[in-house]
Amino acid sequence: MSETAERNTQHLDEMACLLYVERQMDRARAQEVSAHAEECAQCRTLLRALERESRLLTRAMLEEDEPLPSRLAQMQERARRSMQWIWGVVVGLAATGAYALYSGYIEPWQRQLEQAGFGGSNLLGLLIFQGAFWKGGQSIMTLIEVLAMLLLGGFAAVYFLRRIRRGSALALVLAGFCGVLSWAPGASATEFRNGQSMEVREGETIKGDAYFTGERVRIDGTVDGDVITFCKSLEINGHVTGDVITFSQSARIGGTVDGNVRGANNNMIIAGTIGKNVMTFEETFTIDPTAKIGGSLTNFAQSLGMEGSVGRDALLFFEHGNLAGKIAGEVRAKGDSLTIGSTAEIGGRMRFEGQNEAEVSQHAKLASPVEFKKMERKSEYRGTHYYVWRVIWTAAFVVFGLVVFLLLPRFAQDTVRAGEQIGASAGLGVLVLFGVPIAAIIACITVVGLIVGISAMFLWVMMLIGAEIVVGAVIGQWIMGRAGEIWPLIGRMVVGVIIVRLITTIPHVTFWTRLAVMLWGMGAISLAIYRKLQPVIAPSVPSAPMAPPLPPNTTIGGVQPA
């Protein structure tokens, strides 16, 4: 047999062909393989097949989005279509729950407040924005609009950062965000005073808002803005062009306030003129005969004495009340006992709900007789209405949990795992449940911390709502076993939420079970957030032994001649 025939019978193995295709052979051996492939058809076919596979593998590794196989693509399309009706049901249930909440709770209260004289304003704006605790509703609404724009801008930034790679487009987006931020209103001047005894003397004028913290505060001059006080004793004999917000042991307003008066005090006396509305929470509240309130009066007190005049309606909650002044609008009162004196004048309807009928003087001037309603104390567990609403709220919690688990599956699983640590979750829940609101209120006192305080309260409310869902998921896993995927976990969450809602319906233990669920769930969410924010430290890996240095003029195929 000739030498050529003998060489042809010795075919190349697959490893040698791979080394040749990947250019891992030295030059002399590569030349032998090339010469053999030219003469041997079988080895030439093997080399071509390996070369084609190598190109396909390289192309697949360089592609960012590899197309799915047809079978998987069809399965994904079917799953997407099946999710459409699921999301439709979720949106429908959410809309039904929102409508039920509005029609069952918000609308009746809004109607009652409108009947009490608050019909000219929006309920939320009345209680919060229209001078309740801040200067003017328009400024706060502008701030909320800016916060909403910032939130939308954050989502847009994440979207564009993932899809826009060119620097010019990204610069355009950032320029647009800067334009939005430039719409924020400028901050007005604010003066802070702190001490044992503070006084704004007669003839002195403070331009802007004034914050006072100390033992005693006396204002005989003029404050061209809002006045916010945290003190033991407050006395206002001067002029305040804005609102007065006071937290004190005793407060007396004998001067003029052009805006609203809001406060939580031990006792409060109004003897001057209030341009707008008054909303107070006191143990003892007195309106002297010289007092004039231009707007409405909302008061929560143990003892109420009213001899001045109110320009609009009055909403009163008290234990013992005495009305001897003039109220131009309607009166809605609720308490144990009410006395209407001989000098009282009420221009609208007078409704009273209490233990005993109101004592009305014969000389009192009332537009209509007092509408009395006996205060009844009924157990909420007796009526069918209570259980119907329990079912509606259970469905609302299930829908909320379904949305959260589908939108944030990994965080939901982390939160459920954190909830399995009952001791740590409950301990952290005590701190979060009581500490966050206090810190948020303190932060909201200053203009700088307003956004931080509002954000903290929003997060706290969301955690409070989600606490029952987390506890339900943990209980569901205890009953049905652990779940590794999101849909089985959702099923366990639904079962657990129903069980939790049933347990919190048991009479005499409702408060304690709800408190335990709140502490447990809020602590689990806080623990998951804490762990999420912690930096991940990679485990120490033993270093590989160092390879010896390559000789000079070395390539992948071997040493090249100099």
Protein backbone atom coordinates (compact mmCIF):
# COMPACT_ATOMS: atom_id res chain seq x y z
CA MET A 1 0.00 0.00 0.00
CA SER A 2 1.40 3.43 -0.94
CA GLU A 3 2.14 6.16 1.59
CA THR A 4 -0.71 8.37 0.30
CA ALA A 5 -3.30 5.63 0.60
CA GLU A 6 -2.12 4.80 4.12
CA ARG A 7 -2.45 8.49 5.12
CA ASN A 8 -5.96 8.68 3.73
CA THR A 9 -7.08 5.67 5.74
CA GLN A 10 -6.05 7.41 8.98
CA HIS A 11 -8.97 9.83 9.37
CA LEU A 12 -8.84 12.86 11.63
CA ASP A 13 -10.64 12.60 14.95
CA GLU A 14 -13.18 15.20 16.04
CA MET A 15 -10.91 16.81 18.62
CA ALA A 16 -8.23 17.46 16.03
CA CYS A 17 -10.80 18.99 13.72
CA LEU A 18 -12.10 21.28 16.51
CA LEU A 19 -8.59 22.47 17.30
CA TYR A 20 -8.04 23.19 13.61
CA VAL A 21 -11.32 25.11 13.24
CA GLU A 22 -10.64 27.17 16.35
CA ARG A 23 -7.03 27.83 15.23
CA GLN A 24 -5.59 26.20 18.32
CA MET A 25 -3.00 24.05 16.49
CA ASP A 26 0.59 24.82 15.81
CA ARG A 27 1.48 25.70 12.24
CA ALA A 28 3.11 22.40 11.23
CA ARG A 29 0.26 20.26 12.49
CA ALA A 30 -2.33 22.62 10.92
CA GLN A 31 -0.64 22.24 7.52
CA GLU A 32 -0.84 18.43 7.82
CA VAL A 33 -4.55 18.58 8.67
CA SER A 34 -5.22 20.93 5.75
CA ALA A 35 -3.38 18.67 3.32
CA HIS A 36 -5.22 15.61 4.60
CA ALA A 37 -8.63 17.35 4.28
CA GLU A 38 -7.92 18.17 0.64
CA GLU A 39 -7.40 14.50 -0.15
CA CYS A 40 -9.99 12.93 2.25
CA ALA A 41 -13.65 13.72 1.52
CA GLN A 42 -14.89 12.32 4.85
CA CYS A 43 -12.62 14.51 6.95
CA ARG A 44 -13.35 17.51 4.74
CA THR A 45 -17.08 17.05 5.38
CA LEU A 46 -16.46 16.82 9.13
CA LEU A 47 -14.39 20.03 9.09
CA ARG A 48 -17.10 21.92 7.21
CA ALA A 49 -19.80 20.76 9.66
CA LEU A 50 -17.75 21.79 12.69
CA GLU A 51 -16.95 25.12 11.10
CA ARG A 52 -20.65 25.80 10.46
CA GLU A 53 -21.56 24.91 14.06
CA SER A 54 -18.81 27.18 15.35
CA ARG A 55 -20.15 30.13 13.35
CA LEU A 56 -23.72 29.56 14.58
CA LEU A 57 -22.53 29.31 18.19
CA THR A 58 -20.52 32.52 17.88
CA ARG A 59 -23.48 34.37 16.34
CA ALA A 60 -25.82 33.17 19.11
CA MET A 61 -23.40 34.36 21.80
CA LEU A 62 -23.15 37.81 20.21
CA GLU A 63 -26.93 38.31 19.87
CA GLU A 64 -28.61 40.22 22.75
CA ASP A 65 -32.11 38.81 22.30
CA GLU A 66 -32.15 35.26 21.11
CA PRO A 67 -35.42 34.34 19.40
CA LEU A 68 -37.53 31.79 21.21
CA PRO A 69 -38.27 28.44 19.60
CA SER A 70 -41.63 28.31 17.86
CA ARG A 71 -43.18 26.05 20.49
CA LEU A 72 -42.14 28.32 23.36
CA ALA A 73 -43.25 31.39 21.42
CA GLN A 74 -46.71 29.91 20.92
CA MET A 75 -46.92 29.03 24.61
CA GLN A 76 -45.94 32.57 25.54
CA GLU A 77 -48.60 34.02 23.22
CA ARG A 78 -51.28 31.79 24.74
CA ALA A 79 -50.24 32.85 28.25
CA ARG A 80 -50.39 36.49 27.22
CA ARG A 81 -53.89 36.09 25.82
CA SER A 82 -55.07 34.24 28.91
CA MET A 83 -53.77 37.05 31.12
CA GLN A 84 -56.01 39.58 29.36
CA TRP A 85 -59.20 38.30 30.89
CA ILE A 86 -57.48 37.86 34.26
CA TRP A 87 -56.46 41.51 34.27
CA GLY A 88 -59.96 42.42 33.14
CA VAL A 89 -61.42 40.63 36.16
CA VAL A 90 -58.86 42.29 38.44
CA VAL A 91 -59.69 45.76 37.14
CA GLY A 92 -63.41 45.04 37.41
CA LEU A 93 -63.13 43.86 41.00
CA ALA A 94 -60.94 46.83 41.88
CA ALA A 95 -63.46 49.24 40.34
CA THR A 96 -66.30 47.51 42.21
CA GLY A 97 -64.40 47.75 45.50
CA ALA A 98 -63.60 51.44 44.90
CA TYR A 99 -67.24 52.19 44.11
CA ALA A 100 -68.42 50.26 47.16
CA LEU A 101 -65.93 52.12 49.36
CA TYR A 102 -67.03 55.48 48.01
CA SER A 103 -70.77 54.79 48.13
CA GLY A 104 -70.67 53.09 51.54
CA TYR A 105 -68.30 55.34 53.47
CA ILE A 106 -67.03 58.45 51.68
CA GLU A 107 -70.25 59.65 50.06
CA PRO A 108 -72.41 59.40 53.25
CA TRP A 109 -69.82 61.35 55.24
CA GLN A 110 -69.46 63.90 52.48
CA ARG A 111 -73.24 64.32 52.35
CA GLN A 112 -73.38 64.78 56.11
CA LEU A 113 -70.64 67.40 56.02
CA GLU A 114 -72.37 69.19 53.17
CA GLN A 115 -75.52 69.28 55.26
CA ALA A 116 -73.42 70.70 58.09
CA GLY A 117 -72.34 73.60 55.89
CA PHE A 118 -69.26 72.32 54.10
CA GLY A 119 -70.92 71.89 50.72
CA GLY A 120 -69.12 74.75 49.01
CA SER A 121 -65.73 73.01 49.06
CA ASN A 122 -64.24 69.69 48.25
CA LEU A 123 -64.09 67.41 51.31
CA LEU A 124 -60.38 66.60 50.98
CA GLY A 125 -59.48 70.18 50.28
CA LEU A 126 -61.57 71.36 53.22
CA LEU A 127 -60.08 69.04 55.82
CA ILE A 128 -56.48 69.12 54.64
CA PHE A 129 -55.57 71.65 52.01
CA GLN A 130 -57.76 74.71 52.43
CA GLY A 131 -55.86 76.19 55.31
CA ALA A 132 -56.25 73.21 57.61
CA PHE A 133 -52.56 72.80 58.30
CA TRP A 134 -50.88 74.60 55.41
CA LYS A 135 -50.97 78.00 53.80
CA GLY A 136 -53.49 77.95 50.98
CA GLY A 137 -54.78 74.99 49.04
CA GLN A 138 -53.32 76.20 45.75
CA SER A 139 -49.72 76.02 46.94
CA ILE A 140 -50.16 72.51 48.28
CA MET A 141 -51.96 71.38 45.14
CA THR A 142 -49.05 72.77 43.11
CA LEU A 143 -46.66 70.83 45.32
CA ILE A 144 -48.67 67.64 44.83
CA GLU A 145 -48.64 68.20 41.09
CA VAL A 146 -44.86 68.56 41.18
CA LEU A 147 -44.55 65.37 43.24
CA ALA A 148 -46.75 63.54 40.75
CA MET A 149 -44.61 64.82 37.88
CA LEU A 150 -41.47 63.66 39.68
CA LEU A 151 -42.99 60.22 40.18
CA LEU A 152 -43.94 59.96 36.52
CA GLY A 153 -40.52 61.28 35.61
CA GLY A 154 -38.88 58.51 37.61
CA PHE A 155 -40.80 55.83 35.74
CA ALA A 156 -40.00 57.55 32.44
CA ALA A 157 -36.31 57.72 33.36
CA VAL A 158 -36.20 53.99 34.02
CA TYR A 159 -37.99 53.34 30.72
CA PHE A 160 -35.69 55.57 28.67
CA LEU A 161 -32.49 54.37 30.34
CA ARG A 162 -33.36 50.83 29.29
CA ARG A 163 -34.29 51.68 25.72
CA ILE A 164 -32.32 54.78 24.78
CA ARG A 165 -28.61 54.25 24.33
CA ARG A 166 -27.65 57.43 22.48
CA GLY A 167 -26.35 60.31 24.55
CA SER A 168 -28.26 63.02 22.66
CA ALA A 169 -31.64 61.44 23.33
CA LEU A 170 -30.81 60.92 27.01
CA ALA A 171 -29.68 64.54 27.29
CA LEU A 172 -32.99 65.66 25.76
CA VAL A 173 -34.95 63.64 28.34
CA LEU A 174 -32.90 65.06 31.23
CA ALA A 175 -33.44 68.59 29.88
CA GLY A 176 -37.20 67.97 29.89
CA PHE A 177 -37.05 66.84 33.53
CA CYS A 178 -35.13 69.96 34.47
CA GLY A 179 -37.85 72.03 32.80
CA VAL A 180 -40.51 70.28 34.88
CA LEU A 181 -38.55 70.88 38.07
CA SER A 182 -38.26 74.56 37.23
CA TRP A 183 -42.05 74.90 37.65
CA ALA A 184 -41.82 74.44 41.41
CA PRO A 185 -42.91 77.57 43.31
CA GLY A 186 -40.35 79.51 45.27
CA ALA A 187 -40.33 79.25 49.05
CA SER A 188 -41.39 82.26 51.09
CA ALA A 189 -39.42 83.65 53.99
CA THR A 190 -39.92 81.84 57.28
CA GLU A 191 -38.84 82.94 60.74
CA PHE A 192 -38.10 80.45 63.53
CA ARG A 193 -38.08 81.48 67.17
CA ASN A 194 -37.30 79.27 70.14
CA GLY A 195 -37.01 80.17 73.79
CA GLN A 196 -38.55 80.31 77.23
CA SER A 197 -40.72 83.34 76.51
CA MET A 198 -41.24 84.83 73.04
CA GLU A 199 -43.11 87.99 72.15
CA VAL A 200 -43.99 89.92 69.00
CA ARG A 201 -44.33 93.40 70.40
CA GLU A 202 -46.91 95.94 69.34
CA GLY A 203 -45.73 97.71 66.20
CA GLU A 204 -43.41 94.85 65.22
CA THR A 205 -44.12 93.11 61.89
CA ILE A 206 -42.89 89.70 60.73
CA LYS A 207 -42.88 89.32 56.96
CA GLY A 208 -43.60 85.66 56.21
CA ASP A 209 -44.52 82.63 58.24
CA ALA A 210 -43.49 82.34 61.88
CA TYR A 211 -42.69 79.17 63.87
CA PHE A 212 -42.63 79.42 67.66
CA THR A 213 -41.50 76.68 70.08
CA GLY A 214 -41.11 77.33 73.77
CA GLU A 215 -42.84 77.94 77.09
CA ARG A 216 -44.89 81.08 76.41
CA VAL A 217 -45.76 82.85 73.15
CA ARG A 218 -47.42 86.29 72.98
CA ILE A 219 -48.21 88.09 69.73
CA ASP A 220 -49.22 91.76 70.03
CA GLY A 221 -47.82 92.88 66.67
CA THR A 222 -48.43 91.73 63.10
CA VAL A 223 -47.46 88.49 61.37
CA ASP A 224 -47.80 88.74 57.61
CA GLY A 225 -48.14 84.98 57.09
CA ASP A 226 -48.98 81.85 59.03
CA VAL A 227 -48.30 81.27 62.72
CA ILE A 228 -47.39 77.76 63.90
CA THR A 229 -46.78 77.25 67.61
CA PHE A 230 -45.70 74.43 69.92
CA CYS A 231 -45.84 75.88 73.41
CA LYS A 232 -47.40 75.74 76.84
CA SER A 233 -49.25 79.06 76.63
CA LEU A 234 -50.29 81.08 73.56
CA GLU A 235 -51.91 84.52 73.46
CA ILE A 236 -52.66 86.43 70.26
CA ASN A 237 -53.78 90.03 70.60
CA GLY A 238 -52.35 91.34 67.35
CA HIS A 239 -53.01 90.65 63.68
CA VAL A 240 -52.20 87.46 61.73
CA THR A 241 -52.84 87.67 58.00
CA GLY A 242 -52.55 83.93 57.43
CA ASP A 243 -53.56 80.84 59.39
CA VAL A 244 -52.92 79.96 63.02
CA ILE A 245 -51.93 76.39 63.85
CA THR A 246 -51.43 75.82 67.54
CA PHE A 247 -50.48 72.88 69.76
CA SER A 248 -50.45 74.08 73.34
CA GLN A 249 -51.82 73.60 76.83
CA SER A 250 -53.80 76.82 76.76
CA ALA A 251 -54.48 79.21 73.90
CA ARG A 252 -56.34 82.53 73.73
CA ILE A 253 -57.02 84.44 70.52
CA GLY A 254 -58.22 87.97 71.21
CA GLY A 255 -56.89 89.66 68.09
CA THR A 256 -57.62 89.24 64.38
CA VAL A 257 -56.81 86.23 62.25
CA ASP A 258 -57.57 86.65 58.55
CA GLY A 259 -57.22 82.96 57.75
CA ASN A 260 -58.15 79.73 59.52
CA VAL A 261 -57.52 78.56 63.06
CA ARG A 262 -56.53 74.93 63.60
CA GLY A 263 -55.37 73.49 66.87
CA ALA A 264 -55.12 70.68 69.39
CA ASN A 265 -55.00 72.14 72.91
CA ASN A 266 -56.04 71.45 76.46
CA ASN A 267 -58.24 74.53 76.54
CA MET A 268 -58.83 77.31 74.03
CA ILE A 269 -60.64 80.65 74.18
CA ILE A 270 -61.59 82.71 71.12
CA ALA A 271 -62.45 86.32 71.86
CA GLY A 272 -61.37 88.05 68.64
CA THR A 273 -62.19 87.86 64.94
CA ILE A 274 -61.48 84.85 62.72
CA GLY A 275 -61.84 85.52 59.01
CA LYS A 276 -62.35 81.95 57.81
CA ASN A 277 -62.91 78.58 59.50
CA VAL A 278 -62.08 77.07 62.89
CA MET A 279 -61.25 73.41 63.50
CA THR A 280 -60.08 72.46 66.99
CA PHE A 281 -59.60 69.48 69.28
CA GLU A 282 -59.77 70.52 72.94
CA GLU A 283 -60.81 69.44 76.37
CA THR A 284 -62.45 72.81 76.99
CA PHE A 285 -63.43 75.18 74.15
CA THR A 286 -64.95 78.62 74.75
CA ILE A 287 -66.17 81.26 72.30
CA ASP A 288 -66.64 84.59 74.09
CA PRO A 289 -69.52 86.99 73.24
CA THR A 290 -67.08 89.30 71.44
CA ALA A 291 -65.80 86.55 69.13
CA LYS A 292 -66.69 86.46 65.44
CA ILE A 293 -65.98 83.51 63.15
CA GLY A 294 -66.53 84.33 59.50
CA GLY A 295 -66.59 80.76 58.21
CA SER A 296 -67.60 77.42 59.65
CA LEU A 297 -66.88 75.84 63.03
CA THR A 298 -65.74 72.25 63.56
CA ASN A 299 -65.02 71.29 67.14
CA PHE A 300 -64.23 68.16 69.14
CA ALA A 301 -64.28 68.89 72.85
CA GLN A 302 -65.29 67.53 76.21
CA SER A 303 -66.88 70.81 77.25
CA LEU A 304 -68.13 73.42 74.76
CA GLY A 305 -69.30 76.93 75.54
CA MET A 306 -70.34 79.12 72.61
CA GLU A 307 -71.57 82.73 73.02
CA GLY A 308 -70.09 84.45 69.98
CA SER A 309 -71.16 84.36 66.34
CA VAL A 310 -70.42 81.91 63.52
CA GLY A 311 -70.94 83.04 59.94
CA ARG A 312 -71.66 79.62 58.47
CA ASP A 313 -72.48 76.14 59.76
CA ALA A 314 -71.26 74.28 62.83
CA LEU A 315 -70.26 70.63 63.25
CA LEU A 316 -69.88 69.86 66.97
CA PHE A 317 -68.86 66.77 68.94
CA PHE A 318 -68.80 67.10 72.72
CA GLU A 319 -69.76 65.59 76.03
CA HIS A 320 -71.45 68.69 77.42
CA GLY A 321 -72.38 71.62 75.18
CA ASN A 322 -73.87 75.07 75.76
CA LEU A 323 -74.99 77.20 72.80
CA ALA A 324 -75.83 80.82 73.59
CA GLY A 325 -74.51 82.64 70.53
CA LYS A 326 -75.47 83.19 66.91
CA ILE A 327 -74.95 80.61 64.15
CA ALA A 328 -76.00 81.75 60.69
CA GLY A 329 -76.14 78.29 59.14
CA GLU A 330 -77.08 74.79 60.19
CA VAL A 331 -75.91 72.97 63.29
CA ARG A 332 -75.13 69.29 63.59
CA ALA A 333 -74.21 68.26 67.12
CA LYS A 334 -73.48 64.97 68.82
CA GLY A 335 -72.86 64.47 72.53
CA ASP A 336 -74.27 63.47 75.88
CA SER A 337 -76.10 66.69 76.77
CA LEU A 338 -76.84 70.02 75.07
CA THR A 339 -78.24 73.28 76.40
CA ILE A 340 -79.48 76.05 74.09
CA GLY A 341 -79.65 79.35 75.97
CA SER A 342 -82.02 82.28 75.69
CA THR A 343 -79.59 84.37 73.60
CA ALA A 344 -79.01 81.64 71.01
CA GLU A 345 -79.87 82.27 67.37
CA ILE A 346 -79.65 79.49 64.79
CA GLY A 347 -80.46 80.34 61.19
CA GLY A 348 -80.62 76.81 59.77
CA ARG A 349 -81.63 73.32 60.81
CA MET A 350 -80.66 72.17 64.26
CA ARG A 351 -79.94 68.44 64.62
CA PHE A 352 -78.73 66.80 67.80
CA GLU A 353 -77.86 63.19 68.52
CA GLY A 354 -77.31 62.33 72.14
CA GLN A 355 -78.37 60.46 75.23
CA ASN A 356 -81.02 63.00 76.27
CA GLU A 357 -83.00 65.65 74.44
CA ALA A 358 -81.58 69.14 74.28
CA GLU A 359 -82.70 71.71 76.84
CA VAL A 360 -83.99 74.64 74.78
CA SER A 361 -84.84 78.01 76.29
CA GLN A 362 -88.18 79.53 75.36
CA HIS A 363 -86.44 82.75 74.29
CA ALA A 364 -84.02 81.03 71.91
CA LYS A 365 -84.49 81.95 68.24
CA LEU A 366 -84.41 78.81 66.12
CA ALA A 367 -85.29 78.55 62.43
CA SER A 368 -86.83 75.12 63.08
CA PRO A 369 -87.38 72.85 66.08
CA VAL A 370 -84.49 70.72 67.25
CA GLU A 371 -84.34 67.39 65.45
CA PHE A 372 -83.38 64.92 68.15
CA LYS A 373 -82.08 61.40 67.59
CA LYS A 374 -81.48 59.01 70.45
CA MET A 375 -77.94 57.71 70.47
CA GLU A 376 -78.04 53.93 70.20
CA ARG A 377 -75.21 51.56 70.82
CA LYS A 378 -75.63 48.41 68.75
CA SER A 379 -73.20 45.62 68.22
CA GLU A 380 -71.82 45.73 64.69
CA TYR A 381 -71.73 41.92 64.60
CA ARG A 382 -75.50 41.60 64.56
CA GLY A 383 -76.30 43.18 61.21
CA THR A 384 -76.02 41.61 57.78
CA HIS A 385 -74.51 44.84 56.52
CA TYR A 386 -71.36 44.18 58.55
CA TYR A 387 -70.72 40.76 57.00
CA VAL A 388 -71.47 41.98 53.48
CA TRP A 389 -68.80 44.62 53.86
CA ARG A 390 -66.41 42.05 55.29
CA VAL A 391 -66.80 40.02 52.11
CA ILE A 392 -66.28 43.10 49.95
CA TRP A 393 -63.14 44.08 51.84
CA THR A 394 -61.81 40.52 51.69
CA ALA A 395 -62.20 40.55 47.90
CA ALA A 396 -60.48 43.95 47.76
CA PHE A 397 -57.50 42.65 49.76
CA VAL A 398 -57.27 39.58 47.52
CA VAL A 399 -57.28 41.73 44.38
CA PHE A 400 -54.66 44.06 45.85
CA GLY A 401 -52.47 41.12 46.78
CA LEU A 402 -52.85 39.61 43.31
CA VAL A 403 -51.71 42.85 41.68
CA VAL A 404 -48.76 43.29 44.05
CA PHE A 405 -47.58 39.68 43.69
CA LEU A 406 -47.75 39.87 39.88
CA LEU A 407 -46.03 43.25 39.63
CA LEU A 408 -43.35 42.55 42.27
CA PRO A 409 -42.95 38.76 42.37
CA ARG A 410 -39.41 38.64 43.75
CA PHE A 411 -40.06 41.23 46.44
CA ALA A 412 -43.27 39.43 47.39
CA GLN A 413 -41.38 36.16 47.86
CA ASP A 414 -38.70 37.94 49.92
CA THR A 415 -41.38 39.53 52.10
CA VAL A 416 -43.10 36.20 52.72
CA ARG A 417 -39.77 34.63 53.70
CA ALA A 418 -39.14 37.53 56.08
CA GLY A 419 -42.61 37.02 57.57
CA GLU A 420 -41.67 33.49 58.58
CA GLN A 421 -39.36 35.05 61.18
CA ILE A 422 -42.17 36.02 63.53
CA GLY A 423 -40.09 37.45 66.35
CA ALA A 424 -37.95 39.76 64.20
CA SER A 425 -40.94 40.86 62.14
CA ALA A 426 -43.14 41.65 65.14
CA GLY A 427 -40.38 43.55 66.93
CA LEU A 428 -39.58 45.64 63.89
CA GLY A 429 -43.32 46.13 63.29
CA VAL A 430 -43.74 47.84 66.67
CA LEU A 431 -41.04 50.34 65.73
CA VAL A 432 -42.46 50.99 62.25
CA LEU A 433 -46.15 51.17 63.27
CA PHE A 434 -45.62 53.83 65.93
CA GLY A 435 -42.29 55.42 64.97
CA VAL A 436 -42.78 56.25 61.31
CA PRO A 437 -45.91 58.46 61.75
CA ILE A 438 -44.24 60.41 64.55
CA ALA A 439 -41.09 60.93 62.48
CA ALA A 440 -43.15 61.91 59.43
CA ILE A 441 -45.15 64.51 61.39
CA ILE A 442 -41.95 65.98 62.79
CA ALA A 443 -40.46 66.09 59.29
CA CYS A 444 -43.56 67.83 57.89
CA ILE A 445 -43.17 70.68 60.35
CA THR A 446 -40.26 72.07 58.33
CA VAL A 447 -40.56 73.01 54.67
CA VAL A 448 -37.38 71.08 53.83
CA GLY A 449 -38.70 67.82 55.26
CA LEU A 450 -42.20 68.14 53.81
CA ILE A 451 -41.54 65.85 50.85
CA VAL A 452 -39.76 63.33 53.08
CA GLY A 453 -42.62 63.32 55.57
CA ILE A 454 -45.32 62.90 52.93
CA SER A 455 -43.36 60.11 51.23
CA ALA A 456 -42.83 58.35 54.55
CA MET A 457 -46.53 58.53 55.39
CA PHE A 458 -47.46 57.23 51.94
CA LEU A 459 -45.09 54.29 52.34
CA TRP A 460 -46.44 53.68 55.86
CA VAL A 461 -50.02 53.54 54.59
CA MET A 462 -49.07 51.12 51.81
CA MET A 463 -47.30 48.90 54.34
CA LEU A 464 -50.36 49.04 56.60
CA ILE A 465 -52.57 47.88 53.72
CA GLY A 466 -50.16 45.16 52.65
CA ALA A 467 -49.60 43.75 56.15
CA GLU A 468 -52.67 41.51 55.99
CA ILE A 469 -51.61 40.16 52.58
CA VAL A 470 -48.15 39.18 53.83
CA VAL A 471 -49.52 37.47 56.92
CA GLY A 472 -52.09 35.68 54.79
CA ALA A 473 -49.38 34.37 52.46
CA VAL A 474 -47.33 33.09 55.42
CA ILE A 475 -50.34 31.34 56.96
CA GLY A 476 -51.28 29.89 53.58
CA GLN A 477 -47.80 28.38 53.24
CA TRP A 478 -48.05 26.87 56.71
CA ILE A 479 -51.28 25.14 55.72
CA MET A 480 -50.57 24.16 52.10
CA GLY A 481 -46.79 23.94 52.11
CA ARG A 482 -44.12 26.11 50.56
CA ALA A 483 -44.46 27.37 47.00
CA GLY A 484 -41.53 27.94 44.69
CA GLU A 485 -43.42 29.78 41.94
CA ILE A 486 -45.55 32.90 42.00
CA TRP A 487 -48.97 31.47 41.07
CA PRO A 488 -48.94 28.75 43.75
CA LEU A 489 -47.85 31.47 46.20
CA ILE A 490 -50.82 33.62 45.11
CA GLY A 491 -53.16 30.71 45.77
CA ARG A 492 -51.76 30.31 49.26
CA MET A 493 -52.06 34.06 49.79
CA VAL A 494 -55.77 33.97 48.88
CA VAL A 495 -56.43 31.12 51.33
CA GLY A 496 -54.44 32.85 54.07
CA VAL A 497 -56.16 36.22 53.60
CA ILE A 498 -59.57 34.59 53.91
CA ILE A 499 -58.47 32.86 57.13
CA VAL A 500 -57.07 36.09 58.55
CA ARG A 501 -60.26 37.97 57.74
CA LEU A 502 -62.31 35.26 59.44
CA ILE A 503 -60.12 35.37 62.55
CA THR A 504 -60.36 39.17 62.80
CA THR A 505 -64.16 38.88 62.71
CA ILE A 506 -64.32 37.01 66.04
CA PRO A 507 -65.96 39.27 68.67
CA HIS A 508 -63.95 40.59 71.65
CA VAL A 509 -60.57 39.73 70.05
CA THR A 510 -60.90 41.77 66.86
CA PHE A 511 -58.70 44.62 68.04
CA TRP A 512 -55.89 42.42 69.30
CA THR A 513 -55.84 40.17 66.25
CA ARG A 514 -55.77 43.15 63.91
CA LEU A 515 -52.97 44.73 65.92
CA ALA A 516 -50.97 41.49 65.79
CA VAL A 517 -51.50 41.24 62.02
CA MET A 518 -50.40 44.85 61.51
CA LEU A 519 -47.25 44.43 63.62
CA TRP A 520 -46.36 41.12 61.99
CA GLY A 521 -47.01 42.20 58.40
CA MET A 522 -45.47 45.67 58.59
CA GLY A 523 -42.41 44.23 60.29
CA ALA A 524 -42.02 41.61 57.53
CA ILE A 525 -42.24 44.27 54.81
CA SER A 526 -39.74 46.48 56.64
CA LEU A 527 -37.36 43.56 57.10
CA ALA A 528 -37.55 42.70 53.40
CA ILE A 529 -36.88 46.32 52.44
CA TYR A 530 -33.94 46.47 54.85
CA ARG A 531 -32.40 43.34 53.40
CA LYS A 532 -33.00 44.61 49.88
CA LEU A 533 -31.06 47.78 50.62
CA GLN A 534 -28.12 45.97 52.18
CA PRO A 535 -25.03 45.60 49.94
CA VAL A 536 -24.34 42.02 48.81
CA ILE A 537 -20.83 40.88 49.70
CA ALA A 538 -19.52 38.19 47.40
CA PRO A 539 -18.14 35.09 49.17
CA SER A 540 -14.40 34.73 49.23
CA VAL A 541 -13.20 32.50 46.38
CA PRO A 542 -9.72 30.93 46.52
CA SER A 543 -7.55 32.42 43.84
CA ALA A 544 -6.44 30.18 40.99
CA PRO A 545 -2.75 29.33 40.68
CA MET A 546 -0.88 31.72 38.46
CA ALA A 547 0.05 30.36 35.06
CA PRO A 548 3.68 30.57 33.98
CA PRO A 549 4.46 33.47 31.64
CA LEU A 550 4.35 32.75 27.91
CA PRO A 551 7.59 32.89 25.94
CA PRO A 552 8.04 35.81 23.56
CA ASN A 553 6.55 35.69 20.02
CA THR A 554 3.80 33.30 21.20
CA THR A 555 0.31 33.16 19.58
CA ILE A 556 -2.68 30.90 20.09
CA GLY A 557 -1.39 28.50 17.52
CA GLY A 558 2.06 28.27 19.05
CA VAL A 559 5.41 29.98 18.99
CA GLN A 560 6.00 31.99 15.83
CA PRO A 561 9.45 32.43 14.37
CA ALA A 562 11.07 35.72 15.15
